[in-house]
Amino acid sequence: MGKIFYKTEEEIELIRESSLLVGKTLAEVAKIIKPGVTTLDLDKIAEEFIRDNNAIPGFLGMYDFPNTLCTSLNAAVVHGIPNNKPLKDGDIISVDCGVLKNGFYGDVAYTFEVGEVKEEVKKLLQVTKECLNRAIEVAIAGNRIGDIGFAVQNYAEENGYGVVRELVGHGLGKDLHEAPEVPNYGRRGTGLMLKEGMVIAIEPMINMGVRNVIQDKDGWTIVTKDGKPSAHFEHDVVVRKGKADVLSSHKFIEEVLNNKN
C-alpha cells in the first residue's frame, strides 16, 4: 500500500478541471457512437478533443497501452484496445478515458448502448450506475473503504449480478493510480479510514453473470469468464465531511444521449 496524498483545495480544482474534461471527451464520443462506427473512430475523436483542450491523453503509452481510450465491448470488462471492427446494434461498450492536464489526472468511464439494446442489458447498466451512486453516498470522512465496497457489492448482488474483484478503483492525482485501492466489494466498517482531501476514482465493474474474469490473449482485455455482458461506470470523487464532492460529471454525456433519442 503506497502513501496517500491528501489534496489541497487548489489541487482538487485542478483535478476537477481534468475530470470534467474527460466527461466532455466522452460526450464527443457519445455523439458518434452508433452501429457501424469502429472503436478506433471513437479513439481518434477522443485524442483530438483532448489535445485541442491543451491536455494529454492519460492512458496513451501508460504501461505501453497503445491508445487514448479503453473500449470494452459486451463481455469485455475493462482495458479493451480500440480496433477497426464496426460496432453492432445491441452492443454495449464501456469507454474509459483519462487525461493529464496541469499536472493532474482525470479518469472517467461510461458504458454506452449501441442501437437497440435488450431490456435485461439496460437493467445491468442502470444497476451499475446506481452502484456508483450508492458508493459515492458513503464516500465521506469517517467512513471506511469497506463501506464503499459494501455499497456496490450489496446492491449488485441483490440484483443477481457478479462483482469483479480483480480490478479496483484507486486514488487519483499527479499519478493516474495512487493509493488507496478502492475495491467494489467489502464489509462495512472495515478497511482504511476515509479522510477529507482524499481523491478517489470509484468504478464499479458489474457482470450480468458470474464475477469471475479472465485475461484475453491480447494481454490487456479483461473478459467475463461466462461470456455474459459487463458494465462499468466511473467518477472521480473527493472525500468531504457529510457529502462527497463529485469532481467528474456524466451530465455532458447524458445531454448528448438524450438529444440523440
C-alpha atoms as a PDB file:
ATOM      1  CA  MET A   1       0.000   0.000   0.000  1.00  0.00           C
ATOM      2  CA  GLY A   2       1.577   3.270  -1.122  1.00  0.00           C
ATOM      3  CA  LYS A   3       1.456   6.649   0.553  1.00  0.00           C
ATOM      4  CA  ILE A   4      -1.825   8.552   0.382  1.00  0.00           C
ATOM      5  CA  PHE A   5      -1.510  12.123  -0.880  1.00  0.00           C
ATOM      6  CA  TYR A   6      -4.172  14.371   0.603  1.00  0.00           C
ATOM      7  CA  LYS A   7      -5.030  17.151  -1.818  1.00  0.00           C
ATOM      8  CA  THR A   8      -5.180  20.885  -1.195  1.00  0.00           C
ATOM      9  CA  GLU A   9      -8.195  22.860  -2.456  1.00  0.00           C
ATOM     10  CA  GLU A  10      -6.072  24.181  -5.350  1.00  0.00           C
ATOM     11  CA  GLU A  11      -5.090  20.651  -6.323  1.00  0.00           C
ATOM     12  CA  ILE A  12      -8.701  19.493  -6.063  1.00  0.00           C
ATOM     13  CA  GLU A  13      -9.766  22.235  -8.503  1.00  0.00           C
ATOM     14  CA  LEU A  14      -7.102  21.112 -10.994  1.00  0.00           C
ATOM     15  CA  ILE A  15      -8.286  17.503 -10.694  1.00  0.00           C
ATOM     16  CA  ARG A  16     -11.858  18.757 -11.183  1.00  0.00           C
ATOM     17  CA  GLU A  17     -10.786  20.500 -14.395  1.00  0.00           C
ATOM     18  CA  SER A  18      -9.147  17.317 -15.689  1.00  0.00           C
ATOM     19  CA  SER A  19     -12.101  15.171 -14.625  1.00  0.00           C
ATOM     20  CA  LEU A  20     -14.648  17.447 -16.295  1.00  0.00           C
ATOM     21  CA  LEU A  21     -12.558  17.398 -19.478  1.00  0.00           C
ATOM     22  CA  VAL A  22     -12.804  13.597 -19.533  1.00  0.00           C
ATOM     23  CA  GLY A  23     -16.586  13.853 -19.231  1.00  0.00           C
ATOM     24  CA  LYS A  24     -16.651  16.315 -22.129  1.00  0.00           C
ATOM     25  CA  THR A  25     -14.391  14.000 -24.153  1.00  0.00           C
ATOM     26  CA  LEU A  26     -16.785  11.104 -23.571  1.00  0.00           C
ATOM     27  CA  ALA A  27     -19.634  13.386 -24.709  1.00  0.00           C
ATOM     28  CA  GLU A  28     -17.775  13.849 -28.025  1.00  0.00           C
ATOM     29  CA  VAL A  29     -17.533  10.054 -28.231  1.00  0.00           C
ATOM     30  CA  ALA A  30     -21.251   9.784 -27.418  1.00  0.00           C
ATOM     31  CA  LYS A  31     -22.096  11.948 -30.436  1.00  0.00           C
ATOM     32  CA  ILE A  32     -20.751   9.384 -32.893  1.00  0.00           C
ATOM     33  CA  ILE A  33     -21.496   6.047 -31.180  1.00  0.00           C
ATOM     34  CA  LYS A  34     -23.801   4.007 -33.394  1.00  0.00           C
ATOM     35  CA  PRO A  35     -23.789   0.717 -35.293  1.00  0.00           C
ATOM     36  CA  GLY A  36     -21.083   0.727 -37.982  1.00  0.00           C
ATOM     37  CA  VAL A  37     -18.665   3.043 -36.184  1.00  0.00           C
ATOM     38  CA  THR A  38     -15.387   1.479 -35.047  1.00  0.00           C
ATOM     39  CA  THR A  39     -13.721   1.878 -31.682  1.00  0.00           C
ATOM     40  CA  LEU A  40     -10.696   3.349 -33.468  1.00  0.00           C
ATOM     41  CA  ASP A  41     -13.026   6.080 -34.799  1.00  0.00           C
ATOM     42  CA  LEU A  42     -14.001   6.829 -31.202  1.00  0.00           C
ATOM     43  CA  ASP A  43     -10.350   6.814 -30.140  1.00  0.00           C
ATOM     44  CA  LYS A  44      -9.351   9.333 -32.805  1.00  0.00           C
ATOM     45  CA  ILE A  45     -12.146  11.761 -31.840  1.00  0.00           C
ATOM     46  CA  ALA A  46     -11.163  11.488 -28.168  1.00  0.00           C
ATOM     47  CA  GLU A  47      -7.452  12.053 -28.728  1.00  0.00           C
ATOM     48  CA  GLU A  48      -8.050  15.108 -30.940  1.00  0.00           C
ATOM     49  CA  PHE A  49     -10.518  16.638 -28.475  1.00  0.00           C
ATOM     50  CA  ILE A  50      -8.160  16.147 -25.504  1.00  0.00           C
ATOM     51  CA  ARG A  51      -5.217  17.706 -27.359  1.00  0.00           C
ATOM     52  CA  ASP A  52      -7.415  20.607 -28.584  1.00  0.00           C
ATOM     53  CA  ASN A  53      -8.109  21.313 -24.904  1.00  0.00           C
ATOM     54  CA  ASN A  54      -4.413  21.580 -24.020  1.00  0.00           C
ATOM     55  CA  ALA A  55      -4.301  18.229 -22.297  1.00  0.00           C
ATOM     56  CA  ILE A  56      -2.587  14.901 -22.890  1.00  0.00           C
ATOM     57  CA  PRO A  57      -4.357  11.549 -23.238  1.00  0.00           C
ATOM     58  CA  GLY A  58      -3.745   9.896 -19.867  1.00  0.00           C
ATOM     59  CA  PHE A  59      -3.752   6.268 -20.976  1.00  0.00           C
ATOM     60  CA  LEU A  60      -1.749   6.572 -24.200  1.00  0.00           C
ATOM     61  CA  GLY A  61       1.637   4.943 -23.621  1.00  0.00           C
ATOM     62  CA  MET A  62       0.987   4.259 -19.930  1.00  0.00           C
ATOM     63  CA  TYR A  63       2.224   0.724 -19.198  1.00  0.00           C
ATOM     64  CA  ASP A  64       2.677   0.685 -23.028  1.00  0.00           C
ATOM     65  CA  PHE A  65      -1.083   0.920 -23.645  1.00  0.00           C
ATOM     66  CA  PRO A  66      -1.432   1.819 -27.350  1.00  0.00           C
ATOM     67  CA  ASN A  67      -4.471   4.144 -27.322  1.00  0.00           C
ATOM     68  CA  THR A  68      -6.330   7.061 -25.749  1.00  0.00           C
ATOM     69  CA  LEU A  69      -9.450   5.083 -24.827  1.00  0.00           C
ATOM     70  CA  CYS A  70     -10.095   1.706 -23.297  1.00  0.00           C
ATOM     71  CA  THR A  71     -13.073   0.383 -25.268  1.00  0.00           C
ATOM     72  CA  SER A  72     -14.541  -2.750 -23.729  1.00  0.00           C
ATOM     73  CA  LEU A  73     -17.348  -4.394 -25.648  1.00  0.00           C
ATOM     74  CA  ASN A  74     -20.077  -6.639 -24.221  1.00  0.00           C
ATOM     75  CA  ALA A  75     -18.285  -9.393 -22.255  1.00  0.00           C
ATOM     76  CA  ALA A  76     -15.121  -7.282 -22.048  1.00  0.00           C
ATOM     77  CA  VAL A  77     -14.967  -5.682 -18.600  1.00  0.00           C
ATOM     78  CA  VAL A  78     -12.111  -3.189 -18.982  1.00  0.00           C
ATOM     79  CA  HIS A  79      -8.859  -2.417 -20.819  1.00  0.00           C
ATOM     80  CA  GLY A  80     -10.192  -3.232 -24.304  1.00  0.00           C
ATOM     81  CA  ILE A  81      -7.945  -1.980 -27.100  1.00  0.00           C
ATOM     82  CA  PRO A  82      -9.656   0.060 -29.850  1.00  0.00           C
ATOM     83  CA  ASN A  83      -9.783  -1.722 -33.208  1.00  0.00           C
ATOM     84  CA  ASN A  84     -11.354  -1.390 -36.657  1.00  0.00           C
ATOM     85  CA  LYS A  85     -14.314  -3.743 -36.140  1.00  0.00           C
ATOM     86  CA  PRO A  86     -17.646  -1.932 -36.551  1.00  0.00           C
ATOM     87  CA  LEU A  87     -19.962  -1.693 -33.542  1.00  0.00           C
ATOM     88  CA  LYS A  88     -23.171  -3.688 -33.918  1.00  0.00           C
ATOM     89  CA  ASP A  89     -26.762  -2.974 -32.975  1.00  0.00           C
ATOM     90  CA  GLY A  90     -27.382  -4.286 -29.451  1.00  0.00           C
ATOM     91  CA  ASP A  91     -23.760  -3.983 -28.287  1.00  0.00           C
ATOM     92  CA  ILE A  92     -22.769  -2.248 -25.074  1.00  0.00           C
ATOM     93  CA  ILE A  93     -19.393  -0.612 -24.792  1.00  0.00           C
ATOM     94  CA  SER A  94     -17.568   0.682 -21.737  1.00  0.00           C
ATOM     95  CA  VAL A  95     -15.435   3.668 -22.708  1.00  0.00           C
ATOM     96  CA  ASP A  96     -12.825   4.544 -20.093  1.00  0.00           C
ATOM     97  CA  CYS A  97     -10.696   7.646 -20.607  1.00  0.00           C
ATOM     98  CA  GLY A  98      -8.036   9.559 -18.728  1.00  0.00           C
ATOM     99  CA  VAL A  99      -6.452  12.946 -19.281  1.00  0.00           C
ATOM    100  CA  LEU A 100      -3.435  14.703 -17.839  1.00  0.00           C
ATOM    101  CA  LYS A 101      -3.798  18.478 -17.559  1.00  0.00           C
ATOM    102  CA  ASN A 102      -1.892  20.947 -15.378  1.00  0.00           C
ATOM    103  CA  GLY A 103      -0.052  18.006 -13.831  1.00  0.00           C
ATOM    104  CA  PHE A 104      -3.195  16.198 -12.620  1.00  0.00           C
ATOM    105  CA  TYR A 105      -5.215  13.290 -13.947  1.00  0.00           C
ATOM    106  CA  GLY A 106      -8.917  12.822 -14.511  1.00  0.00           C
ATOM    107  CA  ASP A 107     -10.325   9.336 -15.091  1.00  0.00           C
ATOM    108  CA  VAL A 108     -13.935   8.625 -16.069  1.00  0.00           C
ATOM    109  CA  ALA A 109     -15.825   5.700 -17.591  1.00  0.00           C
ATOM    110  CA  TYR A 110     -19.295   5.323 -19.076  1.00  0.00           C
ATOM    111  CA  THR A 111     -20.998   2.319 -20.636  1.00  0.00           C
ATOM    112  CA  PHE A 112     -22.896   3.159 -23.807  1.00  0.00           C
ATOM    113  CA  GLU A 113     -25.725   1.364 -25.579  1.00  0.00           C
ATOM    114  CA  VAL A 114     -25.246   0.858 -29.321  1.00  0.00           C
ATOM    115  CA  GLY A 115     -28.548   0.974 -31.178  1.00  0.00           C
ATOM    116  CA  GLU A 116     -31.328  -1.087 -29.598  1.00  0.00           C
ATOM    117  CA  VAL A 117     -30.139  -2.961 -26.511  1.00  0.00           C
ATOM    118  CA  LYS A 118     -32.069  -5.750 -24.768  1.00  0.00           C
ATOM    119  CA  GLU A 119     -34.058  -4.774 -21.677  1.00  0.00           C
ATOM    120  CA  GLU A 120     -32.035  -7.137 -19.458  1.00  0.00           C
ATOM    121  CA  VAL A 121     -28.837  -5.411 -20.592  1.00  0.00           C
ATOM    122  CA  LYS A 122     -30.336  -1.956 -19.993  1.00  0.00           C
ATOM    123  CA  LYS A 123     -31.087  -3.101 -16.445  1.00  0.00           C
ATOM    124  CA  LEU A 124     -27.445  -4.141 -15.931  1.00  0.00           C
ATOM    125  CA  LEU A 125     -26.371  -0.624 -16.934  1.00  0.00           C
ATOM    126  CA  GLN A 126     -28.924   1.008 -14.627  1.00  0.00           C
ATOM    127  CA  VAL A 127     -27.913  -1.139 -11.658  1.00  0.00           C
ATOM    128  CA  THR A 128     -24.195  -0.487 -12.244  1.00  0.00           C
ATOM    129  CA  LYS A 129     -24.806   3.257 -12.363  1.00  0.00           C
ATOM    130  CA  GLU A 130     -26.847   3.017  -9.169  1.00  0.00           C
ATOM    131  CA  CYS A 131     -23.989   1.046  -7.535  1.00  0.00           C
ATOM    132  CA  LEU A 132     -21.732   4.013  -8.318  1.00  0.00           C
ATOM    133  CA  ASN A 133     -24.239   6.476  -6.840  1.00  0.00           C
ATOM    134  CA  ARG A 134     -24.576   4.418  -3.662  1.00  0.00           C
ATOM    135  CA  ALA A 135     -20.797   4.191  -3.318  1.00  0.00           C
ATOM    136  CA  ILE A 136     -20.471   7.971  -3.653  1.00  0.00           C
ATOM    137  CA  GLU A 137     -23.082   8.475  -0.913  1.00  0.00           C
ATOM    138  CA  VAL A 138     -20.837   6.706   1.616  1.00  0.00           C
ATOM    139  CA  ALA A 139     -17.515   8.213   0.427  1.00  0.00           C
ATOM    140  CA  ILE A 140     -17.444  10.616   3.347  1.00  0.00           C
ATOM    141  CA  ALA A 141     -14.946  11.439   6.078  1.00  0.00           C
ATOM    142  CA  GLY A 142     -15.187   8.995   8.976  1.00  0.00           C
ATOM    143  CA  ASN A 143     -16.431   6.094   6.868  1.00  0.00           C
ATOM    144  CA  ARG A 144     -14.119   3.366   5.635  1.00  0.00           C
ATOM    145  CA  ILE A 145     -13.055   1.881   2.293  1.00  0.00           C
ATOM    146  CA  GLY A 146     -15.119  -1.221   3.144  1.00  0.00           C
ATOM    147  CA  ASP A 147     -18.260   0.936   3.263  1.00  0.00           C
ATOM    148  CA  ILE A 148     -17.754   1.878  -0.393  1.00  0.00           C
ATOM    149  CA  GLY A 149     -17.160  -1.730  -1.445  1.00  0.00           C
ATOM    150  CA  PHE A 150     -20.144  -2.915   0.564  1.00  0.00           C
ATOM    151  CA  ALA A 151     -22.451  -0.323  -1.045  1.00  0.00           C
ATOM    152  CA  VAL A 152     -21.524  -1.560  -4.527  1.00  0.00           C
ATOM    153  CA  GLN A 153     -21.473  -5.277  -3.746  1.00  0.00           C
ATOM    154  CA  ASN A 154     -24.693  -5.298  -1.780  1.00  0.00           C
ATOM    155  CA  TYR A 155     -26.774  -3.599  -4.468  1.00  0.00           C
ATOM    156  CA  ALA A 156     -25.225  -5.566  -7.351  1.00  0.00           C
ATOM    157  CA  GLU A 157     -25.665  -8.936  -5.652  1.00  0.00           C
ATOM    158  CA  GLU A 158     -29.236  -8.064  -4.597  1.00  0.00           C
ATOM    159  CA  ASN A 159     -29.926  -7.783  -8.322  1.00  0.00           C
ATOM    160  CA  GLY A 160     -28.275 -11.123  -9.052  1.00  0.00           C
ATOM    161  CA  TYR A 161     -25.104  -9.753 -10.621  1.00  0.00           C
ATOM    162  CA  GLY A 162     -21.431 -10.591 -10.139  1.00  0.00           C
ATOM    163  CA  VAL A 163     -18.962  -8.026  -8.794  1.00  0.00           C
ATOM    164  CA  VAL A 164     -15.483  -8.102 -10.336  1.00  0.00           C
ATOM    165  CA  ARG A 165     -12.832  -8.378  -7.615  1.00  0.00           C
ATOM    166  CA  GLU A 166      -9.563  -8.413  -9.548  1.00  0.00           C
ATOM    167  CA  LEU A 167      -9.859  -4.763 -10.614  1.00  0.00           C
ATOM    168  CA  VAL A 168     -10.406  -1.871  -8.261  1.00  0.00           C
ATOM    169  CA  GLY A 169     -10.890   1.857  -8.069  1.00  0.00           C
ATOM    170  CA  HIS A 170      -7.969   3.949  -6.876  1.00  0.00           C
ATOM    171  CA  GLY A 171      -6.599   7.194  -5.582  1.00  0.00           C
ATOM    172  CA  LEU A 172      -6.059   9.874  -8.219  1.00  0.00           C
ATOM    173  CA  GLY A 173      -3.841  12.921  -8.520  1.00  0.00           C
ATOM    174  CA  LYS A 174      -0.428  13.539 -10.052  1.00  0.00           C
ATOM    175  CA  ASP A 175      -0.469   9.823 -10.849  1.00  0.00           C
ATOM    176  CA  LEU A 176      -3.352   8.036 -12.517  1.00  0.00           C
ATOM    177  CA  HIS A 177      -3.228   5.234  -9.963  1.00  0.00           C
ATOM    178  CA  GLU A 178      -2.435   6.302  -6.431  1.00  0.00           C
ATOM    179  CA  ALA A 179      -3.161   4.767  -3.051  1.00  0.00           C
ATOM    180  CA  PRO A 180      -5.603   3.738  -1.746  1.00  0.00           C
ATOM    181  CA  GLU A 181      -7.150   0.897  -3.692  1.00  0.00           C
ATOM    182  CA  VAL A 182     -10.952   1.106  -3.745  1.00  0.00           C
ATOM    183  CA  PRO A 183     -12.466  -2.370  -4.187  1.00  0.00           C
ATOM    184  CA  ASN A 184     -16.085  -2.840  -5.285  1.00  0.00           C
ATOM    185  CA  TYR A 185     -16.712  -5.400  -2.556  1.00  0.00           C
ATOM    186  CA  GLY A 186     -16.150  -5.340   1.167  1.00  0.00           C
ATOM    187  CA  ARG A 187     -17.545  -5.292   4.674  1.00  0.00           C
ATOM    188  CA  ARG A 188     -18.953  -2.216   6.321  1.00  0.00           C
ATOM    189  CA  GLY A 189     -16.732  -0.587   8.918  1.00  0.00           C
ATOM    190  CA  THR A 190     -13.543  -2.243   7.663  1.00  0.00           C
ATOM    191  CA  GLY A 191     -10.505  -1.010   5.802  1.00  0.00           C
ATOM    192  CA  LEU A 192      -8.813   2.347   5.612  1.00  0.00           C
ATOM    193  CA  MET A 193     -10.491   5.348   7.235  1.00  0.00           C
ATOM    194  CA  LEU A 194     -11.688   7.916   4.672  1.00  0.00           C
ATOM    195  CA  LYS A 195     -10.369  11.411   5.384  1.00  0.00           C
ATOM    196  CA  GLU A 196     -11.023  14.834   3.930  1.00  0.00           C
ATOM    197  CA  GLY A 197      -8.875  15.647   0.929  1.00  0.00           C
ATOM    198  CA  MET A 198      -8.614  12.075  -0.334  1.00  0.00           C
ATOM    199  CA  VAL A 199      -9.380  11.945  -4.056  1.00  0.00           C
ATOM    200  CA  ILE A 200     -10.525   8.570  -5.318  1.00  0.00           C
ATOM    201  CA  ALA A 201     -11.818   7.106  -8.557  1.00  0.00           C
ATOM    202  CA  ILE A 202     -14.791   4.864  -7.780  1.00  0.00           C
ATOM    203  CA  GLU A 203     -15.522   2.462 -10.629  1.00  0.00           C
ATOM    204  CA  PRO A 204     -17.953  -0.437 -10.225  1.00  0.00           C
ATOM    205  CA  MET A 205     -17.445  -3.234 -12.775  1.00  0.00           C
ATOM    206  CA  ILE A 206     -20.546  -5.403 -12.654  1.00  0.00           C
ATOM    207  CA  ASN A 207     -21.163  -8.628 -14.582  1.00  0.00           C
ATOM    208  CA  MET A 208     -24.534  -9.948 -15.645  1.00  0.00           C
ATOM    209  CA  GLY A 209     -23.392 -13.446 -14.700  1.00  0.00           C
ATOM    210  CA  VAL A 210     -20.522 -14.754 -12.588  1.00  0.00           C
ATOM    211  CA  ARG A 211     -17.969 -12.400 -11.036  1.00  0.00           C
ATOM    212  CA  ASN A 212     -15.031 -14.349 -12.480  1.00  0.00           C
ATOM    213  CA  VAL A 213     -12.912 -12.801 -15.209  1.00  0.00           C
ATOM    214  CA  ILE A 214     -10.050 -13.910 -17.433  1.00  0.00           C
ATOM    215  CA  GLN A 215      -7.441 -12.059 -19.447  1.00  0.00           C
ATOM    216  CA  ASP A 216      -7.793 -12.139 -23.209  1.00  0.00           C
ATOM    217  CA  LYS A 217      -4.876 -13.310 -25.321  1.00  0.00           C
ATOM    218  CA  ASP A 218      -4.155  -9.683 -26.330  1.00  0.00           C
ATOM    219  CA  GLY A 219      -2.615  -9.307 -22.843  1.00  0.00           C
ATOM    220  CA  TRP A 220      -4.873  -6.375 -21.980  1.00  0.00           C
ATOM    221  CA  THR A 221      -8.575  -7.019 -22.260  1.00  0.00           C
ATOM    222  CA  ILE A 222     -10.292  -8.484 -19.197  1.00  0.00           C
ATOM    223  CA  VAL A 223     -13.388 -10.517 -20.121  1.00  0.00           C
ATOM    224  CA  THR A 224     -16.111 -12.278 -18.147  1.00  0.00           C
ATOM    225  CA  LYS A 225     -15.493 -15.974 -17.725  1.00  0.00           C
ATOM    226  CA  ASP A 226     -19.039 -16.893 -18.770  1.00  0.00           C
ATOM    227  CA  GLY A 227     -19.122 -14.533 -21.759  1.00  0.00           C
ATOM    228  CA  LYS A 228     -22.034 -12.507 -20.384  1.00  0.00           C
ATOM    229  CA  PRO A 229     -22.030  -8.715 -20.610  1.00  0.00           C
ATOM    230  CA  SER A 230     -20.298  -6.465 -18.097  1.00  0.00           C
ATOM    231  CA  ALA A 231     -20.907  -2.774 -17.335  1.00  0.00           C
ATOM    232  CA  HIS A 232     -18.573  -0.125 -15.930  1.00  0.00           C
ATOM    233  CA  PHE A 233     -19.134   3.446 -14.720  1.00  0.00           C
ATOM    234  CA  GLU A 234     -16.574   5.660 -13.011  1.00  0.00           C
ATOM    235  CA  HIS A 235     -16.455   9.009 -11.216  1.00  0.00           C
ATOM    236  CA  ASP A 236     -13.675  10.952  -9.511  1.00  0.00           C
ATOM    237  CA  VAL A 237     -14.662  11.985  -6.001  1.00  0.00           C
ATOM    238  CA  VAL A 238     -13.116  13.948  -3.154  1.00  0.00           C
ATOM    239  CA  VAL A 239     -13.930  12.790   0.361  1.00  0.00           C
ATOM    240  CA  ARG A 240     -15.556  15.546   2.425  1.00  0.00           C
ATOM    241  CA  LYS A 241     -17.484  15.748   5.707  1.00  0.00           C
ATOM    242  CA  GLY A 242     -21.131  14.837   5.291  1.00  0.00           C
ATOM    243  CA  LYS A 243     -21.216  14.576   1.480  1.00  0.00           C
ATOM    244  CA  ALA A 244     -18.663  13.586  -1.147  1.00  0.00           C
ATOM    245  CA  ASP A 245     -17.770  16.141  -3.814  1.00  0.00           C
ATOM    246  CA  VAL A 246     -18.014  14.548  -7.267  1.00  0.00           C
ATOM    247  CA  LEU A 247     -15.312  16.117  -9.441  1.00  0.00           C
ATOM    248  CA  SER A 248     -16.275  14.441 -12.700  1.00  0.00           C
ATOM    249  CA  SER A 249     -19.616  14.565 -14.497  1.00  0.00           C
ATOM    250  CA  HIS A 250     -21.677  12.315 -16.759  1.00  0.00           C
ATOM    251  CA  LYS A 251     -24.006  15.259 -17.481  1.00  0.00           C
ATOM    252  CA  PHE A 252     -22.364  16.221 -20.786  1.00  0.00           C
ATOM    253  CA  ILE A 253     -22.618  12.619 -21.995  1.00  0.00           C
ATOM    254  CA  GLU A 254     -26.259  12.281 -20.971  1.00  0.00           C
ATOM    255  CA  GLU A 255     -27.216  15.564 -22.651  1.00  0.00           C
ATOM    256  CA  VAL A 256     -25.834  14.197 -25.931  1.00  0.00           C
ATOM    257  CA  LEU A 257     -27.556  10.820 -25.485  1.00  0.00           C
ATOM    258  CA  ASN A 258     -30.899  12.424 -24.634  1.00  0.00           C
ATOM    259  CA  ASN A 259     -30.696  14.615 -27.741  1.00  0.00           C
ATOM    260  CA  LYS A 260     -29.955  11.572 -29.924  1.00  0.00           C
ATOM    261  CA  ASN A 261     -33.131   9.734 -28.876  1.00  0.00           C
END
